[in-house]
Amino acid sequence: MKKRFLHVTLIAVLILSGCGAGDKSSDTYVSNGSYQTASTTQAEGGWYADYDYADDMDYNFEAPAAEESAESPASGPASANGGETSNGLTSDIDREMLVYSCSMSIDTLDFASTVNGFKALLDQYGGFIENENYSDGGSNGRWYSESTEKWQSYSATLRIPSRNYDAFCNSAGNLGDLRSKNASVQNLSSEYHDLSTTLEIYEAKEERYIALLSEITEDEYAVAIERELTDLQIEIARIKSRMNKINTDVSYSYVYITINEVKEYVSEPVKTDTFFDRLLNTIHDTWIGFVEFGETLLFLIIRLLPYLVLIALVVTIILALTKKRRARKAQLRQERTAQAAAQMAQTTQAVQTAQMPQTTQATQTAQMPQTTQATQTAQAADAEKNEAPTETK
């Protein structure tokens, strides 16, 4: 009964410690793939690292020996060229973990020759290209013009073996006019040591979980142990992935190179135009301007012609309607005038008819002597005419 109680207590402690370790490990793994030293220190000083399961239980398994734990990436033996350690990682951990990077910008008059020389240099020093970009310097439109001036450019991210880093950078600077060069180095020794220590603890704990899982018969406790073991193995895989990334960065340095095409500037002599040249230019410009004005005016008329025809049609209709209206008004005016004249004539005739007897009598009386005298004068004149031809004969 006492042994079963110790068994249950141990499983509960392992579950609680696994949850705590999972929380700590998730906090220590940051976004850039590195682990912080504080969490590693807590893991090293935690109670579960000092707990001796073999003393409390009668299970037949042994904790990792001190000699095996000592062979870690941080303190164990490793070959000078990166030999394999006990955790299966290949790394040279006796020296500092330095990551070199350099960015270069090169101008060249012969773009194609420089790019070919760069690729030959890359093969010579055993490097490779992670990514590259090329631009002919033209516009992004869909129209092609031979007169458009282009400036080619090439950029690439390279990985160069660290042993050839300095030699490659010096040789690449001679490919053309080196305009800029920026170099930096990052020391990842501390991070790598922390990862190695954390990995030792997690792998030891993984072995304990595996051994404990093989002895447990209750399914409930077995599922809990398997869950904790899975989380632990995920963290171990993350740590190994980060350590392998550091090893790769240490072995292959970064080089960012940009090659730009430039052209030699040639100054042209200043030309002074003579009077005759200026005169011809003025006449030519005037004629060109007149032709352009005529073309613009013609095109304007053609564009406005449909609208002008429509406006002329509307104006014609308006004028016709106006003329018809004026004619109707004039006809009405004439009819009114004729009616007024007729009325006036009737009125005058009526007045004359009323005054006719008196007026006729007075007129006859006043004209009687004059008529008699005129008749006598006419008769005398006729007598003289008759006498004149007789005398002539």
Protein backbone atom coordinates (compact mmCIF):
# COMPACT_ATOMS: atom_id res chain seq x y z
CA MET A 1 0.00 0.00 0.00
CA LYS A 2 2.83 2.35 0.84
CA LYS A 3 4.54 1.55 -2.43
CA ARG A 4 1.37 2.33 -4.39
CA PHE A 5 1.00 5.63 -2.53
CA LEU A 6 4.58 6.58 -3.44
CA HIS A 7 3.85 5.55 -7.00
CA VAL A 8 0.80 7.85 -7.25
CA THR A 9 2.64 10.70 -5.54
CA LEU A 10 5.56 10.42 -7.94
CA ILE A 11 3.31 10.51 -11.00
CA ALA A 12 1.53 13.62 -9.68
CA VAL A 13 4.87 15.31 -9.02
CA LEU A 14 6.08 14.47 -12.54
CA ILE A 15 2.91 15.87 -14.10
CA LEU A 16 3.15 19.11 -12.11
CA SER A 17 6.86 19.47 -12.85
CA GLY A 18 6.23 18.78 -16.55
CA CYS A 19 3.59 21.52 -16.69
CA GLY A 20 5.97 23.93 -14.99
CA ALA A 21 8.78 22.97 -17.35
CA GLY A 22 6.51 23.39 -20.36
CA ASP A 23 5.53 26.90 -19.21
CA LYS A 24 9.12 27.83 -18.55
CA SER A 25 10.32 26.43 -21.84
CA SER A 26 7.61 28.31 -23.75
CA ASP A 27 8.64 31.51 -22.05
CA THR A 28 12.31 30.99 -22.79
CA TYR A 29 11.86 30.37 -26.53
CA VAL A 30 11.64 33.80 -28.07
CA SER A 31 10.60 34.80 -31.58
CA ASN A 32 14.09 34.85 -33.04
CA GLY A 33 14.69 31.22 -32.09
CA SER A 34 16.96 31.86 -29.09
CA TYR A 35 16.53 31.01 -25.43
CA GLN A 36 17.15 33.29 -22.48
CA THR A 37 19.69 32.51 -19.81
CA ALA A 38 17.32 33.16 -16.89
CA SER A 39 15.04 30.25 -17.81
CA THR A 40 18.03 27.96 -18.22
CA THR A 41 19.26 28.94 -14.79
CA GLN A 42 15.86 28.15 -13.32
CA ALA A 43 15.88 24.80 -15.08
CA GLU A 44 19.34 24.02 -13.75
CA GLY A 45 18.42 25.05 -10.20
CA GLY A 46 14.92 23.56 -10.24
CA TRP A 47 13.90 20.93 -7.78
CA TYR A 48 13.12 18.38 -10.45
CA ALA A 49 16.76 18.34 -11.58
CA ASP A 50 17.92 17.37 -8.08
CA TYR A 51 15.15 14.90 -7.34
CA ASP A 52 16.42 11.34 -7.16
CA TYR A 53 13.67 9.11 -8.50
CA ALA A 54 15.77 5.96 -8.14
CA ASP A 55 15.93 6.34 -4.35
CA ASP A 56 12.17 6.66 -3.86
CA MET A 57 11.15 3.94 -6.28
CA ASP A 58 12.19 0.40 -6.95
CA TYR A 59 12.18 0.79 -10.74
CA ASN A 60 15.16 -0.65 -12.53
CA PHE A 61 16.54 2.29 -14.44
CA GLU A 62 19.53 4.51 -13.93
CA ALA A 63 19.89 8.28 -14.27
CA PRO A 64 22.38 9.56 -16.83
CA ALA A 65 25.88 9.26 -15.55
CA ALA A 66 27.91 12.36 -14.78
CA GLU A 67 30.47 11.34 -17.35
CA GLU A 68 27.84 11.21 -20.12
CA SER A 69 26.36 14.55 -19.10
CA ALA A 70 29.73 16.18 -19.21
CA GLU A 71 30.05 15.45 -22.93
CA SER A 72 27.86 18.40 -23.96
CA PRO A 73 28.30 20.94 -26.78
CA ALA A 74 29.45 23.53 -24.27
CA SER A 75 32.05 21.54 -22.35
CA GLY A 76 32.53 18.17 -24.01
CA PRO A 77 35.20 17.23 -26.52
CA ALA A 78 34.75 18.18 -30.13
CA SER A 79 37.01 18.01 -33.11
CA ALA A 80 38.53 21.15 -34.55
CA ASN A 81 36.45 20.90 -37.71
CA GLY A 82 33.13 20.37 -35.90
CA GLY A 83 33.00 16.73 -34.73
CA GLU A 84 29.83 15.01 -33.54
CA THR A 85 28.91 15.35 -29.85
CA SER A 86 26.77 13.17 -27.58
CA ASN A 87 23.51 14.95 -28.49
CA GLY A 88 23.90 14.25 -32.19
CA LEU A 89 24.76 17.86 -33.19
CA THR A 90 27.87 18.71 -35.19
CA SER A 91 29.59 21.83 -33.98
CA ASP A 92 32.98 23.21 -33.13
CA ILE A 93 32.27 24.47 -29.63
CA ASP A 94 35.83 25.01 -28.46
CA ARG A 95 35.96 28.38 -30.20
CA GLU A 96 33.63 31.36 -30.12
CA MET A 97 30.47 31.10 -32.21
CA LEU A 98 30.98 34.11 -34.49
CA VAL A 99 28.64 34.98 -37.35
CA TYR A 100 30.14 37.34 -39.95
CA SER A 101 28.13 39.50 -42.36
CA CYS A 102 29.10 42.09 -44.94
CA SER A 103 27.20 44.32 -47.37
CA MET A 104 28.92 45.71 -50.47
CA SER A 105 27.89 48.09 -53.27
CA ILE A 106 29.91 48.07 -56.51
CA ASP A 107 29.63 50.32 -59.59
CA THR A 108 30.86 49.12 -62.96
CA LEU A 109 31.05 50.34 -66.56
CA ASP A 110 30.93 46.80 -67.99
CA PHE A 111 27.93 45.29 -66.23
CA ALA A 112 27.85 41.86 -67.94
CA SER A 113 31.57 41.25 -67.43
CA THR A 114 31.38 42.19 -63.75
CA VAL A 115 28.42 39.89 -63.05
CA ASN A 116 30.16 36.98 -64.79
CA GLY A 117 33.32 37.65 -62.80
CA PHE A 118 31.31 37.73 -59.58
CA LYS A 119 29.74 34.32 -60.27
CA ALA A 120 33.14 32.85 -61.15
CA LEU A 121 34.49 34.24 -57.88
CA LEU A 122 31.57 32.69 -56.00
CA ASP A 123 32.38 29.26 -57.43
CA GLN A 124 36.05 29.72 -56.63
CA TYR A 125 35.43 30.25 -52.92
CA GLY A 126 32.71 27.62 -52.55
CA GLY A 127 29.80 29.94 -51.84
CA PHE A 128 26.19 29.82 -52.99
CA ILE A 129 23.36 32.25 -53.63
CA GLU A 130 20.36 32.32 -51.29
CA ASN A 131 18.40 34.84 -53.37
CA GLU A 132 19.12 37.29 -56.18
CA ASN A 133 17.39 40.12 -58.03
CA TYR A 134 18.08 41.61 -61.47
CA SER A 135 16.67 44.77 -63.06
CA ASP A 136 17.39 46.21 -66.51
CA GLY A 137 16.55 49.71 -65.30
CA GLY A 138 13.58 50.17 -67.66
CA SER A 139 10.15 51.38 -66.75
CA ASN A 140 7.46 49.05 -65.46
CA GLY A 141 5.08 49.91 -68.32
CA ARG A 142 4.16 47.63 -71.20
CA TRP A 143 5.57 49.92 -73.91
CA TYR A 144 9.07 49.43 -75.25
CA SER A 145 11.19 52.30 -76.52
CA GLU A 146 14.74 51.98 -77.78
CA SER A 147 15.47 55.58 -76.85
CA THR A 148 14.79 54.95 -73.16
CA GLU A 149 18.00 55.06 -71.15
CA LYS A 150 18.46 52.01 -68.90
CA TRP A 151 20.68 51.36 -65.89
CA GLN A 152 21.05 47.69 -64.99
CA SER A 153 21.44 46.47 -61.41
CA TYR A 154 22.01 43.13 -59.69
CA SER A 155 21.71 42.24 -56.01
CA ALA A 156 22.14 38.93 -54.19
CA THR A 157 22.38 37.39 -50.73
CA LEU A 158 25.34 35.01 -50.54
CA ARG A 159 26.54 32.38 -48.11
CA ILE A 160 30.32 32.07 -48.07
CA PRO A 161 32.31 29.55 -46.02
CA SER A 162 33.64 31.43 -43.03
CA ARG A 163 37.20 30.34 -43.75
CA ASN A 164 36.95 32.14 -47.16
CA TYR A 165 34.99 35.15 -45.93
CA ASP A 166 37.81 37.70 -45.87
CA ALA A 167 39.36 36.48 -49.13
CA PHE A 168 36.03 36.64 -50.95
CA CYS A 169 35.19 40.14 -49.71
CA ASN A 170 38.61 41.45 -50.75
CA SER A 171 38.33 39.87 -54.20
CA ALA A 172 34.76 41.07 -54.73
CA GLY A 173 35.83 44.64 -53.95
CA ASN A 174 38.10 44.52 -57.01
CA LEU A 175 35.31 43.67 -59.45
CA GLY A 176 34.55 47.37 -59.97
CA ASP A 177 34.35 50.67 -58.15
CA LEU A 178 33.63 49.76 -54.50
CA ARG A 179 31.24 52.49 -53.33
CA SER A 180 30.37 51.17 -49.88
CA LYS A 181 31.21 48.28 -47.58
CA ASN A 182 29.74 47.52 -44.15
CA ALA A 183 30.89 44.53 -42.09
CA SER A 184 29.65 43.21 -38.75
CA VAL A 185 30.12 40.18 -36.50
CA GLN A 186 27.76 38.59 -33.98
CA ASN A 187 28.94 36.39 -31.13
CA LEU A 188 26.46 33.59 -30.33
CA SER A 189 28.64 31.69 -27.87
CA SER A 190 26.54 32.58 -24.83
CA GLU A 191 23.28 31.63 -26.53
CA TYR A 192 24.74 28.38 -27.78
CA HIS A 193 26.01 27.48 -24.29
CA ASP A 194 22.59 28.18 -22.78
CA LEU A 195 20.90 26.06 -25.42
CA SER A 196 23.32 23.20 -24.81
CA THR A 197 22.69 23.26 -21.06
CA THR A 198 18.94 23.38 -21.52
CA LEU A 199 19.12 20.55 -24.02
CA GLU A 200 21.00 18.36 -21.49
CA ILE A 201 18.32 18.89 -18.87
CA TYR A 202 15.46 18.22 -21.27
CA GLU A 203 17.07 15.08 -22.70
CA ALA A 204 17.71 13.70 -19.20
CA LYS A 205 14.12 14.40 -18.30
CA GLU A 206 13.00 12.76 -21.54
CA GLU A 207 14.87 9.57 -20.61
CA ARG A 208 13.23 9.55 -17.17
CA TYR A 209 9.77 9.96 -18.73
CA ILE A 210 10.41 7.14 -21.19
CA ALA A 211 11.63 4.82 -18.44
CA LEU A 212 8.71 5.74 -16.21
CA LEU A 213 6.24 5.23 -19.06
CA SER A 214 7.48 1.69 -19.62
CA GLU A 215 6.69 0.78 -15.99
CA ILE A 216 3.24 2.39 -15.65
CA THR A 217 0.22 0.12 -16.07
CA GLU A 218 -2.61 2.58 -15.42
CA ASP A 219 -3.88 4.13 -18.68
CA GLU A 220 -4.80 7.45 -17.07
CA TYR A 221 -1.30 8.07 -15.78
CA ALA A 222 0.25 6.74 -18.98
CA VAL A 223 -1.71 9.28 -21.09
CA ALA A 224 -0.62 12.13 -18.81
CA ILE A 225 3.02 11.07 -19.05
CA GLU A 226 2.79 10.75 -22.84
CA ARG A 227 1.35 14.26 -23.09
CA GLU A 228 4.17 15.72 -21.04
CA LEU A 229 6.70 13.68 -22.99
CA THR A 230 5.36 15.01 -26.30
CA ASP A 231 5.61 18.63 -25.14
CA LEU A 232 9.12 17.99 -23.92
CA GLN A 233 10.18 16.41 -27.22
CA ILE A 234 8.77 19.42 -29.13
CA GLU A 235 10.90 21.76 -27.03
CA ILE A 236 13.95 19.55 -27.60
CA ALA A 237 13.34 19.71 -31.37
CA ARG A 238 13.09 23.51 -31.23
CA ILE A 239 16.34 23.79 -29.32
CA LYS A 240 18.14 21.50 -31.76
CA SER A 241 16.76 23.43 -34.71
CA ARG A 242 18.07 26.69 -33.27
CA MET A 243 21.47 25.15 -32.52
CA ASN A 244 21.71 23.79 -36.06
CA LYS A 245 20.83 27.26 -37.38
CA ILE A 246 23.65 28.75 -35.31
CA ASN A 247 26.06 26.12 -36.58
CA THR A 248 25.10 26.91 -40.18
CA ASP A 249 25.46 30.66 -39.65
CA VAL A 250 28.84 30.14 -38.04
CA SER A 251 30.02 27.90 -40.87
CA TYR A 252 28.68 30.10 -43.69
CA SER A 253 28.93 33.87 -43.42
CA TYR A 254 26.48 36.31 -44.97
CA VAL A 255 27.45 38.61 -47.84
CA TYR A 256 25.00 41.07 -49.38
CA ILE A 257 26.29 42.39 -52.69
CA THR A 258 24.86 44.95 -55.13
CA ILE A 259 26.27 45.63 -58.59
CA ASN A 260 25.12 48.81 -60.36
CA GLU A 261 25.77 49.76 -63.97
CA VAL A 262 27.17 53.27 -64.52
CA LYS A 263 28.10 55.15 -67.68
CA GLU A 264 30.98 57.49 -68.27
CA TYR A 265 30.02 61.15 -68.54
CA VAL A 266 31.16 62.85 -71.76
CA SER A 267 30.85 66.64 -71.95
CA GLU A 268 29.77 68.12 -75.27
CA PRO A 269 31.22 71.44 -76.60
CA VAL A 270 28.94 74.46 -76.44
CA LYS A 271 27.70 75.49 -79.92
CA THR A 272 26.85 79.13 -80.71
CA ASP A 273 24.24 79.65 -83.45
CA THR A 274 24.85 82.28 -86.15
CA PHE A 275 22.31 84.86 -87.32
CA PHE A 276 21.38 82.70 -90.27
CA ASP A 277 20.88 79.69 -88.03
CA ARG A 278 18.68 81.64 -85.64
CA LEU A 279 16.66 83.00 -88.58
CA LEU A 280 16.10 79.54 -90.02
CA ASN A 281 15.18 78.24 -86.59
CA THR A 282 12.71 81.06 -86.10
CA ILE A 283 11.09 80.47 -89.50
CA HIS A 284 10.98 76.76 -88.89
CA ASP A 285 9.48 77.17 -85.42
CA THR A 286 6.94 79.69 -86.75
CA TRP A 287 5.88 77.40 -89.54
CA ILE A 288 5.62 74.45 -87.21
CA GLY A 289 3.54 76.54 -84.81
CA PHE A 290 1.25 77.72 -87.64
CA VAL A 291 0.75 74.17 -88.90
CA GLU A 292 -0.01 72.97 -85.40
CA PHE A 293 -2.47 75.84 -84.93
CA GLY A 294 -4.18 75.00 -88.25
CA GLU A 295 -4.39 71.35 -87.34
CA THR A 296 -5.78 72.20 -83.93
CA LEU A 297 -8.36 74.56 -85.42
CA LEU A 298 -9.39 72.03 -88.08
CA PHE A 299 -9.75 69.28 -85.53
CA LEU A 300 -11.70 71.66 -83.29
CA ILE A 301 -14.11 72.49 -86.10
CA ILE A 302 -14.55 68.82 -86.95
CA ARG A 303 -15.27 68.05 -83.32
CA LEU A 304 -17.72 70.97 -82.99
CA LEU A 305 -19.41 70.47 -86.40
CA PRO A 306 -22.22 68.18 -85.17
CA TYR A 307 -22.99 70.60 -82.37
CA LEU A 308 -22.88 73.59 -84.77
CA VAL A 309 -25.31 71.86 -87.16
CA LEU A 310 -27.65 71.15 -84.28
CA ILE A 311 -27.42 74.75 -83.05
CA ALA A 312 -28.03 76.09 -86.63
CA LEU A 313 -31.11 73.87 -86.98
CA VAL A 314 -32.52 75.09 -83.70
CA VAL A 315 -31.83 78.74 -84.62
CA THR A 316 -33.51 78.26 -88.08
CA ILE A 317 -36.61 76.82 -86.47
CA ILE A 318 -36.74 79.66 -83.95
CA LEU A 319 -36.33 82.29 -86.73
CA ALA A 320 -39.06 80.65 -88.87
CA LEU A 321 -41.44 80.60 -85.95
CA THR A 322 -40.60 84.23 -85.17
CA LYS A 323 -41.10 85.32 -88.82
CA LYS A 324 -44.43 83.53 -89.02
CA ARG A 325 -45.53 85.19 -85.85
CA ARG A 326 -44.51 88.62 -87.11
CA ALA A 327 -46.38 88.05 -90.42
CA ARG A 328 -49.48 87.06 -88.52
CA LYS A 329 -49.19 90.20 -86.39
CA ALA A 330 -48.72 92.37 -89.53
CA GLN A 331 -51.78 90.79 -91.20
CA LEU A 332 -53.84 91.45 -88.12
CA ARG A 333 -52.56 95.02 -88.06
CA GLN A 334 -53.54 95.52 -91.76
CA GLU A 335 -56.97 94.05 -91.17
CA ARG A 336 -57.51 96.37 -88.25
CA THR A 337 -56.31 99.35 -90.34
CA ALA A 338 -58.62 98.42 -93.23
CA GLN A 339 -61.54 98.11 -90.85
CA ALA A 340 -60.74 101.49 -89.36
CA ALA A 341 -60.42 103.07 -92.85
CA ALA A 342 -63.75 101.56 -93.92
CA GLN A 343 -65.41 102.87 -90.82
CA MET A 344 -63.88 106.30 -91.40
CA ALA A 345 -65.01 106.30 -95.08
CA GLN A 346 -68.54 105.43 -94.09
CA THR A 347 -68.51 108.17 -91.53
CA THR A 348 -67.17 110.72 -94.07
CA GLN A 349 -69.72 109.70 -96.73
CA ALA A 350 -72.50 110.09 -94.26
CA VAL A 351 -71.31 113.55 -93.35
CA GLN A 352 -70.93 114.51 -97.04
CA THR A 353 -74.36 113.19 -97.89
CA ALA A 354 -75.85 115.32 -95.18
CA GLN A 355 -74.10 118.52 -96.41
CA MET A 356 -74.42 117.90 -100.23
CA PRO A 357 -77.44 120.21 -101.22
CA GLN A 358 -76.04 123.33 -99.64
CA THR A 359 -72.53 122.71 -100.82
CA THR A 360 -73.60 122.04 -104.48
CA GLN A 361 -75.70 125.17 -104.76
CA ALA A 362 -73.02 127.38 -103.30
CA THR A 363 -70.39 125.88 -105.53
CA GLN A 364 -72.45 126.34 -108.70
CA THR A 365 -73.20 129.95 -107.81
CA ALA A 366 -69.57 130.73 -107.10
CA GLN A 367 -68.31 129.05 -110.26
CA MET A 368 -70.82 130.51 -112.75
CA PRO A 369 -69.02 133.80 -113.70
CA GLN A 370 -65.70 132.08 -113.93
CA THR A 371 -67.06 129.41 -116.26
CA THR A 372 -68.61 131.99 -118.59
CA GLN A 373 -65.45 134.05 -118.77
CA ALA A 374 -63.32 130.94 -119.43
CA THR A 375 -65.60 129.92 -122.27
CA GLN A 376 -65.35 133.28 -123.92
CA THR A 377 -61.59 133.30 -123.68
CA ALA A 378 -61.37 129.89 -125.31
CA GLN A 379 -63.56 130.94 -128.20
CA ALA A 380 -61.44 134.02 -128.88
CA ALA A 381 -58.31 131.96 -128.99
CA ASP A 382 -59.82 129.59 -131.53
CA ALA A 383 -60.80 132.51 -133.79
CA GLU A 384 -57.29 133.81 -133.81
CA LYS A 385 -55.88 130.41 -134.78
CA ASN A 386 -58.24 130.20 -137.71
CA GLU A 387 -57.22 133.59 -138.98
CA ALA A 388 -53.47 133.09 -138.82
CA PRO A 389 -53.12 130.36 -141.52
CA THR A 390 -55.20 132.33 -143.97
CA GLU A 391 -52.92 135.29 -143.87
CA THR A 392 -49.86 133.14 -144.42
CA LYS A 393 -51.17 131.74 -147.63
